[in-house]
Amino acid sequence: MSEDKTRPQVIWAIGGGKGGTGKTFLSANLAIALGIDRGDVIAIDADLGGPNLHTLLGVRENGRDLGDFIRNHVGRLADIATPTSYPGLRLIRGSESTLFLANLNHYKKLKLIRQIKSLPAKRVIIDLGTGSAYNTLDLFVVARPGILVVTPEPTSIENTYLFLRTCALRILNAYARYFEIADFGQRVREGFESRSTSLRSFLETLTARDGSAGQVLTAALRGLKLYLVVNKARDKKDALLGRSIVDLVRKYFLINLELLGTIPYDERVHWSLKKFSPFIFEFPESAVSQAIRAMAERLAQEEPAAGEEQSALLRT
């Protein structure tokens, strides 16, 4: 397939607010699907606490990893991108031994972001760690678009909302500093004394007090495009969950969240994980694999609209 050489690099970051949602499973299988269909994909294991993307891809050989780059043992991130056995896909392994990676300092984080954006690949998939640590959030929002993975469980849904709330506040604080909006930190503390305060209510109150500041920050949130994937859907109710979350997030968070797809529950997923073999290869005709390929096709079709970034965040 011919490539458009003028097309900008597209970076997808896959994250979530809770462990066990299947984000690494999605990262591995989505990377394979995109590599086969479009080629020129680099998958990065940026789970800075417990990387295992290489395991799901069946990569057993040890070699240079993200820790070598962070410790300056390797000058360029591109130098540790190694081929896999899957067409069009290279892997940057996470570090399994360097505990301090989970707490990158500001300089190292910005260096990592710049290197990711300069990787010699048209498509980059970042498998992120769980939770709302700043390093995770910054990689998630810089990627554009980020992909949230949720399961039909109350704890997963609640943690997804908390993740989005923290992510949005991270963006608002970055823009407030960049545009020198006075006393924004104090306004945030006052506005969110109660967890029941929605981002929409907070920004409406801010706009009433300071119209220009409110408009800038509201535009920052509305400009953030994210995708949602519902994993392990067992029934029709679970399949409808994604639309409900999208509607709520758009209304109360003012974030442009779109439902990328729903992956049905399949007991064979656990078997493929134990076998260290990507599910999409083991069961290519399954409903799970069909859902992942459909998501890959949609992401590929929307590539020209991607590649934007939260530029103010890069200056935080």
Protein backbone atom coordinates (compact mmCIF):
# COMPACT_ATOMS: atom_id res chain seq x y z
CA MET A 1 0.00 0.00 0.00
CA SER A 2 1.42 3.39 -0.96
CA GLU A 3 2.03 5.95 1.75
CA ASP A 4 1.31 9.64 1.79
CA LYS A 5 4.76 11.02 2.63
CA THR A 6 3.28 14.36 3.66
CA ARG A 7 0.99 12.83 6.25
CA PRO A 8 2.08 13.74 9.81
CA GLN A 9 3.01 11.16 12.38
CA VAL A 10 0.00 9.88 14.33
CA ILE A 11 0.36 8.92 17.99
CA TRP A 12 -2.25 6.96 19.90
CA ALA A 13 -1.91 6.50 23.66
CA ILE A 14 -3.92 3.77 25.36
CA GLY A 15 -4.65 4.22 29.04
CA GLY A 16 -7.23 3.91 31.77
CA GLY A 17 -8.00 4.63 35.36
CA LYS A 18 -7.99 1.03 36.59
CA GLY A 19 -5.88 -2.06 36.12
CA GLY A 20 -7.30 -5.16 34.48
CA THR A 21 -9.31 -3.38 31.80
CA GLY A 22 -7.26 -4.90 28.98
CA LYS A 23 -5.39 -1.85 27.72
CA THR A 24 -2.19 -3.83 27.04
CA PHE A 25 -4.26 -6.52 25.31
CA LEU A 26 -5.77 -3.81 23.10
CA SER A 27 -2.40 -2.13 22.51
CA ALA A 28 -0.79 -5.36 21.32
CA ASN A 29 -3.59 -6.51 19.06
CA LEU A 30 -4.33 -3.05 17.69
CA ALA A 31 -0.65 -2.55 16.87
CA ILE A 32 -0.59 -5.86 15.00
CA ALA A 33 -3.76 -5.01 13.08
CA LEU A 34 -2.44 -1.58 12.08
CA GLY A 35 0.95 -3.01 11.17
CA ILE A 36 -0.57 -5.61 8.87
CA ASP A 37 -2.99 -3.17 7.24
CA ARG A 38 -0.91 0.02 7.08
CA GLY A 39 2.63 -0.83 8.18
CA ASP A 40 5.22 1.47 9.74
CA VAL A 41 4.03 1.12 13.35
CA ILE A 42 6.08 1.43 16.53
CA ALA A 43 4.55 0.20 19.78
CA ILE A 44 5.98 1.67 22.99
CA ASP A 45 5.56 0.05 26.37
CA ALA A 46 5.38 3.12 28.58
CA ASP A 47 3.91 1.36 31.58
CA LEU A 48 6.62 2.76 33.81
CA GLY A 49 5.79 0.51 36.74
CA GLY A 50 5.19 -2.94 35.24
CA PRO A 51 5.72 -3.34 31.49
CA ASN A 52 4.41 -6.47 29.77
CA LEU A 53 3.58 -5.45 26.20
CA HIS A 54 6.51 -7.54 24.96
CA THR A 55 4.98 -10.58 26.63
CA LEU A 56 1.66 -10.16 24.84
CA LEU A 57 3.54 -9.76 21.57
CA GLY A 58 5.46 -12.96 22.24
CA VAL A 59 8.83 -11.17 22.31
CA ARG A 60 11.12 -13.16 24.61
CA GLU A 61 14.55 -11.87 23.65
CA ASN A 62 16.13 -9.32 25.96
CA GLY A 63 17.69 -6.20 24.52
CA ARG A 64 17.81 -2.46 24.85
CA ASP A 65 14.74 -1.01 26.52
CA LEU A 66 13.21 2.26 27.68
CA GLY A 67 15.37 2.23 30.78
CA ASP A 68 18.52 2.43 28.66
CA PHE A 69 17.19 5.56 26.98
CA ILE A 70 16.11 7.18 30.25
CA ARG A 71 19.54 6.49 31.79
CA ASN A 72 21.23 8.01 28.70
CA HIS A 73 22.85 4.70 27.74
CA VAL A 74 21.22 5.16 24.34
CA GLY A 75 21.11 8.55 22.66
CA ARG A 76 17.96 8.16 20.58
CA LEU A 77 14.70 6.41 21.36
CA ALA A 78 14.59 5.21 17.76
CA ASP A 79 17.74 3.16 18.37
CA ILE A 80 15.90 0.75 20.69
CA ALA A 81 12.93 0.15 18.37
CA THR A 82 13.37 -3.48 17.40
CA PRO A 83 11.53 -5.52 14.74
CA THR A 84 8.89 -8.04 15.79
CA SER A 85 7.66 -11.15 14.01
CA TYR A 86 4.56 -9.22 12.88
CA PRO A 87 4.55 -7.31 9.58
CA GLY A 88 5.12 -3.57 9.83
CA LEU A 89 5.50 -3.53 13.62
CA ARG A 90 8.47 -2.58 15.78
CA LEU A 91 8.59 -2.53 19.58
CA ILE A 92 10.21 -0.30 22.19
CA ARG A 93 10.28 -2.45 25.30
CA GLY A 94 9.54 -1.12 28.75
CA SER A 95 12.13 -1.52 31.47
CA GLU A 96 11.63 -4.42 33.85
CA SER A 97 14.31 -3.46 36.35
CA THR A 98 14.44 0.32 36.77
CA LEU A 99 12.00 1.28 39.51
CA PHE A 100 12.74 5.01 39.26
CA LEU A 101 11.23 5.13 35.78
CA ALA A 102 7.79 5.53 37.35
CA ASN A 103 8.88 8.96 38.63
CA LEU A 104 10.52 10.68 35.69
CA ASN A 105 11.68 14.18 36.39
CA HIS A 106 10.47 17.08 34.28
CA TYR A 107 13.48 17.17 31.97
CA LYS A 108 13.48 13.44 31.25
CA LYS A 109 9.74 13.46 30.62
CA LEU A 110 9.99 16.26 28.04
CA LYS A 111 12.96 14.53 26.43
CA LEU A 112 10.91 11.33 26.14
CA ILE A 113 7.97 13.21 24.63
CA ARG A 114 10.17 14.95 22.06
CA GLN A 115 11.83 11.67 21.11
CA ILE A 116 8.47 9.93 20.70
CA LYS A 117 7.31 12.70 18.39
CA SER A 118 10.47 12.34 16.29
CA LEU A 119 10.35 8.56 15.89
CA PRO A 120 10.82 7.42 12.28
CA ALA A 121 7.37 5.88 11.98
CA LYS A 122 4.03 7.04 10.64
CA ARG A 123 2.15 5.46 13.51
CA VAL A 124 3.01 5.14 17.19
CA ILE A 125 0.99 3.29 19.82
CA ILE A 126 1.83 3.97 23.47
CA ASP A 127 0.73 1.47 26.09
CA LEU A 128 0.47 3.47 29.30
CA GLY A 129 0.42 2.49 32.92
CA THR A 130 -2.69 2.60 35.06
CA GLY A 131 -3.76 5.60 37.08
CA SER A 132 -3.40 9.37 37.06
CA ALA A 133 0.29 10.04 37.71
CA TYR A 134 1.40 13.20 35.92
CA ASN A 135 3.82 11.36 33.65
CA THR A 136 1.04 9.05 32.52
CA LEU A 137 -1.39 11.92 32.01
CA ASP A 138 1.10 13.97 30.02
CA LEU A 139 1.85 11.11 27.65
CA PHE A 140 -1.86 10.46 27.30
CA VAL A 141 -2.90 14.00 26.35
CA VAL A 142 0.13 14.79 24.21
CA ALA A 143 -0.51 11.75 22.03
CA ARG A 144 -3.77 12.99 20.51
CA PRO A 145 -5.89 11.08 20.36
CA GLY A 146 -5.82 9.16 23.61
CA ILE A 147 -7.79 5.95 23.87
CA LEU A 148 -9.49 5.09 27.17
CA VAL A 149 -10.27 1.46 27.96
CA VAL A 150 -13.11 0.67 30.37
CA THR A 151 -14.87 -2.52 31.43
CA PRO A 152 -18.54 -2.83 32.47
CA GLU A 153 -17.74 -2.75 36.17
CA PRO A 154 -18.69 0.05 38.61
CA THR A 155 -15.10 0.49 39.82
CA SER A 156 -13.75 0.72 36.26
CA ILE A 157 -16.39 3.25 35.25
CA GLU A 158 -15.81 5.37 38.35
CA ASN A 159 -12.04 5.32 37.84
CA THR A 160 -12.52 6.33 34.21
CA TYR A 161 -14.41 9.44 35.29
CA LEU A 162 -11.73 10.23 37.88
CA PHE A 163 -9.02 9.75 35.25
CA LEU A 164 -10.79 12.13 32.85
CA ARG A 165 -11.34 14.69 35.59
CA THR A 166 -7.67 14.64 36.59
CA CYS A 167 -6.60 14.70 32.95
CA ALA A 168 -8.82 17.73 32.27
CA LEU A 169 -7.49 19.61 35.29
CA ARG A 170 -3.93 18.88 34.16
CA ILE A 171 -4.72 20.45 30.79
CA LEU A 172 -6.50 23.44 32.33
CA ASN A 173 -3.60 24.15 34.67
CA ALA A 174 -1.14 23.96 31.77
CA TYR A 175 -3.15 26.39 29.68
CA ALA A 176 -3.70 28.69 32.64
CA ARG A 177 0.06 28.95 33.13
CA TYR A 178 0.74 29.41 29.43
CA PHE A 179 -1.87 32.17 29.05
CA GLU A 180 -1.00 33.63 32.47
CA ILE A 181 -4.49 33.37 33.91
CA ALA A 182 -4.15 34.85 37.37
CA ASP A 183 -4.97 32.87 40.52
CA PHE A 184 -6.15 29.87 38.55
CA GLY A 185 -4.82 27.40 41.11
CA GLN A 186 -6.78 29.12 43.85
CA ARG A 187 -9.90 29.10 41.70
CA VAL A 188 -9.51 25.37 41.11
CA ARG A 189 -9.18 24.70 44.83
CA GLU A 190 -12.26 26.78 45.55
CA GLY A 191 -14.24 25.33 42.68
CA PHE A 192 -13.49 21.70 43.50
CA GLU A 193 -13.83 21.69 47.26
CA SER A 194 -16.69 19.30 46.59
CA ARG A 195 -16.10 16.31 44.30
CA SER A 196 -19.65 16.75 43.04
CA THR A 197 -18.63 19.89 41.15
CA SER A 198 -18.54 19.15 37.43
CA LEU A 199 -16.01 20.65 35.04
CA ARG A 200 -18.87 22.25 33.16
CA SER A 201 -20.15 24.00 36.31
CA PHE A 202 -16.65 25.10 37.25
CA LEU A 203 -15.98 26.63 33.82
CA GLU A 204 -19.38 28.32 33.71
CA THR A 205 -18.64 29.94 37.08
CA LEU A 206 -15.17 30.93 35.90
CA THR A 207 -16.56 32.42 32.69
CA ALA A 208 -19.05 34.49 34.65
CA ARG A 209 -16.17 35.99 36.63
CA ASP A 210 -13.60 36.22 33.84
CA GLY A 211 -15.05 35.79 30.36
CA SER A 212 -11.77 35.61 28.43
CA ALA A 213 -10.20 33.08 30.82
CA GLY A 214 -13.31 30.94 30.74
CA GLN A 215 -13.41 30.96 26.95
CA VAL A 216 -9.75 29.96 26.62
CA LEU A 217 -10.03 27.07 29.04
CA THR A 218 -13.36 25.86 27.69
CA ALA A 219 -11.86 25.80 24.19
CA ALA A 220 -8.88 23.81 25.53
CA LEU A 221 -11.18 21.09 26.82
CA ARG A 222 -13.41 21.04 23.78
CA GLY A 223 -10.32 20.70 21.60
CA LEU A 224 -9.28 17.51 23.37
CA LYS A 225 -10.38 14.52 21.28
CA LEU A 226 -10.44 11.15 22.99
CA TYR A 227 -11.70 7.70 22.10
CA LEU A 228 -13.42 5.20 24.37
CA VAL A 229 -13.24 1.41 24.10
CA VAL A 230 -15.54 -0.80 26.16
CA ASN A 231 -13.86 -4.16 26.76
CA LYS A 232 -15.30 -7.47 27.97
CA ALA A 233 -18.92 -6.65 27.09
CA ARG A 234 -21.08 -9.65 27.98
CA ASP A 235 -24.58 -8.54 27.00
CA LYS A 236 -26.63 -5.83 25.30
CA LYS A 237 -26.55 -3.64 28.40
CA ASP A 238 -22.77 -3.72 28.44
CA ALA A 239 -22.71 -2.95 24.73
CA LEU A 240 -24.77 0.21 25.35
CA LEU A 241 -22.48 1.39 28.16
CA GLY A 242 -20.08 3.20 25.86
CA ARG A 243 -22.72 5.52 24.46
CA SER A 244 -23.89 6.42 27.98
CA ILE A 245 -20.34 7.30 29.07
CA VAL A 246 -19.75 9.36 25.92
CA ASP A 247 -22.94 11.36 26.45
CA LEU A 248 -22.13 12.05 30.11
CA VAL A 249 -18.53 13.07 29.42
CA ARG A 250 -19.54 15.44 26.63
CA LYS A 251 -22.21 17.04 28.81
CA TYR A 252 -20.38 17.43 32.12
CA PHE A 253 -16.69 17.29 31.16
CA LEU A 254 -16.93 19.23 27.86
CA ILE A 255 -14.50 16.73 26.31
CA ASN A 256 -14.93 15.49 22.76
CA LEU A 257 -15.11 11.78 23.61
CA GLU A 258 -16.09 9.33 20.89
CA LEU A 259 -16.89 5.64 21.12
CA LEU A 260 -14.23 3.81 19.12
CA GLY A 261 -15.69 0.36 19.64
CA THR A 262 -16.88 -2.41 21.94
CA ILE A 263 -15.02 -5.68 22.45
CA PRO A 264 -17.14 -8.67 23.53
CA TYR A 265 -16.10 -10.95 26.34
CA ASP A 266 -14.34 -14.11 25.23
CA GLU A 267 -12.92 -16.74 27.59
CA ARG A 268 -10.24 -17.59 25.03
CA VAL A 269 -8.54 -14.24 25.68
CA HIS A 270 -7.18 -15.60 28.96
CA TRP A 271 -5.89 -18.69 27.14
CA SER A 272 -4.05 -16.58 24.55
CA LEU A 273 -2.45 -14.49 27.30
CA LYS A 274 -1.14 -17.62 29.01
CA LYS A 275 0.21 -18.84 25.68
CA PHE A 276 1.96 -15.48 25.00
CA SER A 277 0.27 -15.37 21.62
CA PRO A 278 -1.71 -12.39 20.27
CA PHE A 279 -5.41 -13.16 20.20
CA ILE A 280 -5.89 -11.61 16.77
CA PHE A 281 -3.50 -14.24 15.35
CA GLU A 282 -4.91 -17.18 17.27
CA PHE A 283 -8.57 -16.43 16.55
CA PRO A 284 -8.68 -14.11 13.53
CA GLU A 285 -12.37 -14.75 12.77
CA SER A 286 -13.62 -14.21 16.33
CA ALA A 287 -15.91 -11.32 17.27
CA VAL A 288 -13.07 -9.91 19.39
CA SER A 289 -10.64 -9.84 16.47
CA GLN A 290 -13.26 -8.39 14.16
CA ALA A 291 -13.93 -5.59 16.65
CA ILE A 292 -10.21 -4.79 16.92
CA ARG A 293 -9.72 -4.76 13.15
CA ALA A 294 -12.73 -2.44 12.81
CA MET A 295 -11.16 -0.05 15.33
CA ALA A 296 -7.83 -0.19 13.50
CA GLU A 297 -9.56 0.60 10.22
CA ARG A 298 -11.36 3.58 11.72
CA LEU A 299 -8.17 4.94 13.29
CA ALA A 300 -6.38 4.59 9.96
CA GLN A 301 -9.17 6.38 8.12
CA GLU A 302 -9.08 9.29 10.57
CA GLU A 303 -5.29 9.67 10.53
CA PRO A 304 -5.23 12.97 8.58
CA ALA A 305 -7.23 14.64 11.35
CA ALA A 306 -4.86 13.42 14.03
CA GLY A 307 -1.44 14.60 15.08
CA GLU A 308 -2.57 17.70 16.95
CA GLU A 309 -1.13 18.31 20.36
CA GLN A 310 -1.77 20.14 23.61
CA SER A 311 1.10 22.54 22.89
CA ALA A 312 0.74 24.42 26.14
CA LEU A 313 1.18 21.18 28.04
CA LEU A 314 4.61 20.68 26.51
CA ARG A 315 5.73 23.82 28.29
CA THR A 316 4.66 22.67 31.76
